[in-house]
Amino acid sequence: MSDARDEVRNGLLLDGLGKPLDLNAVDWHVRHKNPSASPSEVQNETLEVIRSLVSDGLFSLGAVGENDERFVAWKRSLDHSIHKIS
């Protein structure tokens, strides 16, 4: 794992303490640590960061409910969820 990916993971872990993180926050962290990356490289790295955090049991994928704004975890496989957000 690259140093940039480690820094992105650490930043996301701090930002996500006790609250859901939007996909845009993940993308921002990746772009910030990889300023010369192309849009497709940023997308691929964003997905890899998400995959690693979820695989390590540090994050769950899901959505915030429309009515009560509570986080609802998706029950599908990680591969299905990654495909959905990609």
C-alpha atoms as a PDB file:
ATOM      1  CA  MET A   1       0.000   0.000   0.000  1.00  0.00           C
ATOM      2  CA  SER A   2       1.311   3.405  -0.921  1.00  0.00           C
ATOM      3  CA  ASP A   3       2.091   6.178   1.532  1.00  0.00           C
ATOM      4  CA  ALA A   4      -0.570   8.346  -0.142  1.00  0.00           C
ATOM      5  CA  ARG A   5      -3.185   5.615   0.369  1.00  0.00           C
ATOM      6  CA  ASP A   6      -2.199   5.303   4.028  1.00  0.00           C
ATOM      7  CA  GLU A   7      -2.565   9.062   4.461  1.00  0.00           C
ATOM      8  CA  VAL A   8      -5.973   9.012   2.744  1.00  0.00           C
ATOM      9  CA  ARG A   9      -7.133   6.138   4.961  1.00  0.00           C
ATOM     10  CA  ASN A  10      -5.948   7.920   8.118  1.00  0.00           C
ATOM     11  CA  GLY A  11      -7.652  11.168   7.108  1.00  0.00           C
ATOM     12  CA  LEU A  12     -10.902   9.365   6.384  1.00  0.00           C
ATOM     13  CA  LEU A  13     -10.782   7.486   9.678  1.00  0.00           C
ATOM     14  CA  LEU A  14     -10.421  10.780  11.534  1.00  0.00           C
ATOM     15  CA  ASP A  15     -13.126  12.514   9.492  1.00  0.00           C
ATOM     16  CA  GLY A  16     -15.534   9.617   9.927  1.00  0.00           C
ATOM     17  CA  LEU A  17     -15.358   9.266  13.690  1.00  0.00           C
ATOM     18  CA  GLY A  18     -18.954   8.792  14.776  1.00  0.00           C
ATOM     19  CA  LYS A  19     -20.605   9.964  11.563  1.00  0.00           C
ATOM     20  CA  PRO A  20     -21.208   8.840   7.993  1.00  0.00           C
ATOM     21  CA  LEU A  21     -18.854  10.076   5.287  1.00  0.00           C
ATOM     22  CA  ASP A  22     -20.059  11.085   1.870  1.00  0.00           C
ATOM     23  CA  LEU A  23     -18.427   9.559  -1.217  1.00  0.00           C
ATOM     24  CA  ASN A  24     -17.309  13.074  -2.149  1.00  0.00           C
ATOM     25  CA  ALA A  25     -15.169  13.210   0.996  1.00  0.00           C
ATOM     26  CA  VAL A  26     -13.332  10.062  -0.066  1.00  0.00           C
ATOM     27  CA  ASP A  27     -12.824  11.455  -3.557  1.00  0.00           C
ATOM     28  CA  TRP A  28     -11.536  14.761  -2.124  1.00  0.00           C
ATOM     29  CA  HIS A  29      -8.964  13.028   0.071  1.00  0.00           C
ATOM     30  CA  VAL A  30      -7.733  10.922  -2.860  1.00  0.00           C
ATOM     31  CA  ARG A  31      -7.467  13.951  -5.196  1.00  0.00           C
ATOM     32  CA  HIS A  32      -5.717  15.982  -2.489  1.00  0.00           C
ATOM     33  CA  LYS A  33      -3.032  13.323  -1.963  1.00  0.00           C
ATOM     34  CA  ASN A  34      -2.684  12.545  -5.697  1.00  0.00           C
ATOM     35  CA  PRO A  35      -2.883  15.969  -7.399  1.00  0.00           C
ATOM     36  CA  SER A  36      -1.351  14.833 -10.697  1.00  0.00           C
ATOM     37  CA  ALA A  37      -3.652  11.817 -11.098  1.00  0.00           C
ATOM     38  CA  SER A  38      -6.081  11.649 -13.997  1.00  0.00           C
ATOM     39  CA  PRO A  39      -9.819  11.465 -13.287  1.00  0.00           C
ATOM     40  CA  SER A  40      -9.848   7.716 -14.000  1.00  0.00           C
ATOM     41  CA  GLU A  41      -6.861   7.173 -11.681  1.00  0.00           C
ATOM     42  CA  VAL A  42      -8.652   9.121  -8.945  1.00  0.00           C
ATOM     43  CA  GLN A  43     -11.793   7.035  -9.430  1.00  0.00           C
ATOM     44  CA  ASN A  44      -9.844   3.766  -9.309  1.00  0.00           C
ATOM     45  CA  GLU A  45      -7.894   4.811  -6.217  1.00  0.00           C
ATOM     46  CA  THR A  46     -11.080   6.036  -4.518  1.00  0.00           C
ATOM     47  CA  LEU A  47     -12.682   2.642  -5.068  1.00  0.00           C
ATOM     48  CA  GLU A  48      -9.564   0.839  -3.825  1.00  0.00           C
ATOM     49  CA  VAL A  49      -9.453   2.958  -0.661  1.00  0.00           C
ATOM     50  CA  ILE A  50     -13.114   2.208  -0.021  1.00  0.00           C
ATOM     51  CA  ARG A  51     -12.565  -1.497  -0.669  1.00  0.00           C
ATOM     52  CA  SER A  52      -9.612  -1.619   1.734  1.00  0.00           C
ATOM     53  CA  LEU A  53     -11.430   0.232   4.535  1.00  0.00           C
ATOM     54  CA  VAL A  54     -14.509  -1.987   4.252  1.00  0.00           C
ATOM     55  CA  SER A  55     -12.431  -5.181   3.913  1.00  0.00           C
ATOM     56  CA  ASP A  56     -10.544  -4.258   7.077  1.00  0.00           C
ATOM     57  CA  GLY A  57     -13.852  -3.803   8.923  1.00  0.00           C
ATOM     58  CA  LEU A  58     -13.238  -0.089   9.484  1.00  0.00           C
ATOM     59  CA  PHE A  59     -16.111   1.249   7.365  1.00  0.00           C
ATOM     60  CA  SER A  60     -19.514   0.039   6.217  1.00  0.00           C
ATOM     61  CA  LEU A  61     -21.163   0.998   2.964  1.00  0.00           C
ATOM     62  CA  GLY A  62     -24.694   2.297   2.916  1.00  0.00           C
ATOM     63  CA  ALA A  63     -26.818   5.387   2.630  1.00  0.00           C
ATOM     64  CA  VAL A  64     -28.389   7.983   4.856  1.00  0.00           C
ATOM     65  CA  GLY A  65     -32.159   7.571   5.031  1.00  0.00           C
ATOM     66  CA  GLU A  66     -34.280  10.204   3.334  1.00  0.00           C
ATOM     67  CA  ASN A  67     -36.753  10.711   6.173  1.00  0.00           C
ATOM     68  CA  ASP A  68     -34.767  10.339   9.377  1.00  0.00           C
ATOM     69  CA  GLU A  69     -31.200  10.840   8.101  1.00  0.00           C
ATOM     70  CA  ARG A  70     -29.915   7.730   9.900  1.00  0.00           C
ATOM     71  CA  PHE A  71     -27.251   5.617   8.245  1.00  0.00           C
ATOM     72  CA  VAL A  72     -28.542   2.347   6.805  1.00  0.00           C
ATOM     73  CA  ALA A  73     -25.860  -0.205   5.888  1.00  0.00           C
ATOM     74  CA  TRP A  74     -26.213  -2.070   2.608  1.00  0.00           C
ATOM     75  CA  LYS A  75     -26.594  -5.809   2.981  1.00  0.00           C
ATOM     76  CA  ARG A  76     -25.109  -6.729  -0.421  1.00  0.00           C
ATOM     77  CA  SER A  77     -21.610  -8.064  -1.025  1.00  0.00           C
ATOM     78  CA  LEU A  78     -18.650  -5.709  -1.122  1.00  0.00           C
ATOM     79  CA  ASP A  79     -18.202  -6.359  -4.847  1.00  0.00           C
ATOM     80  CA  HIS A  80     -21.855  -5.502  -5.534  1.00  0.00           C
ATOM     81  CA  SER A  81     -21.602  -2.332  -3.428  1.00  0.00           C
ATOM     82  CA  ILE A  82     -18.378  -1.211  -5.122  1.00  0.00           C
ATOM     83  CA  HIS A  83     -20.024  -1.777  -8.496  1.00  0.00           C
ATOM     84  CA  LYS A  84     -23.029   0.273  -7.355  1.00  0.00           C
ATOM     85  CA  ILE A  85     -20.932   3.288  -6.340  1.00  0.00           C
ATOM     86  CA  SER A  86     -18.607   3.092  -9.324  1.00  0.00           C
END
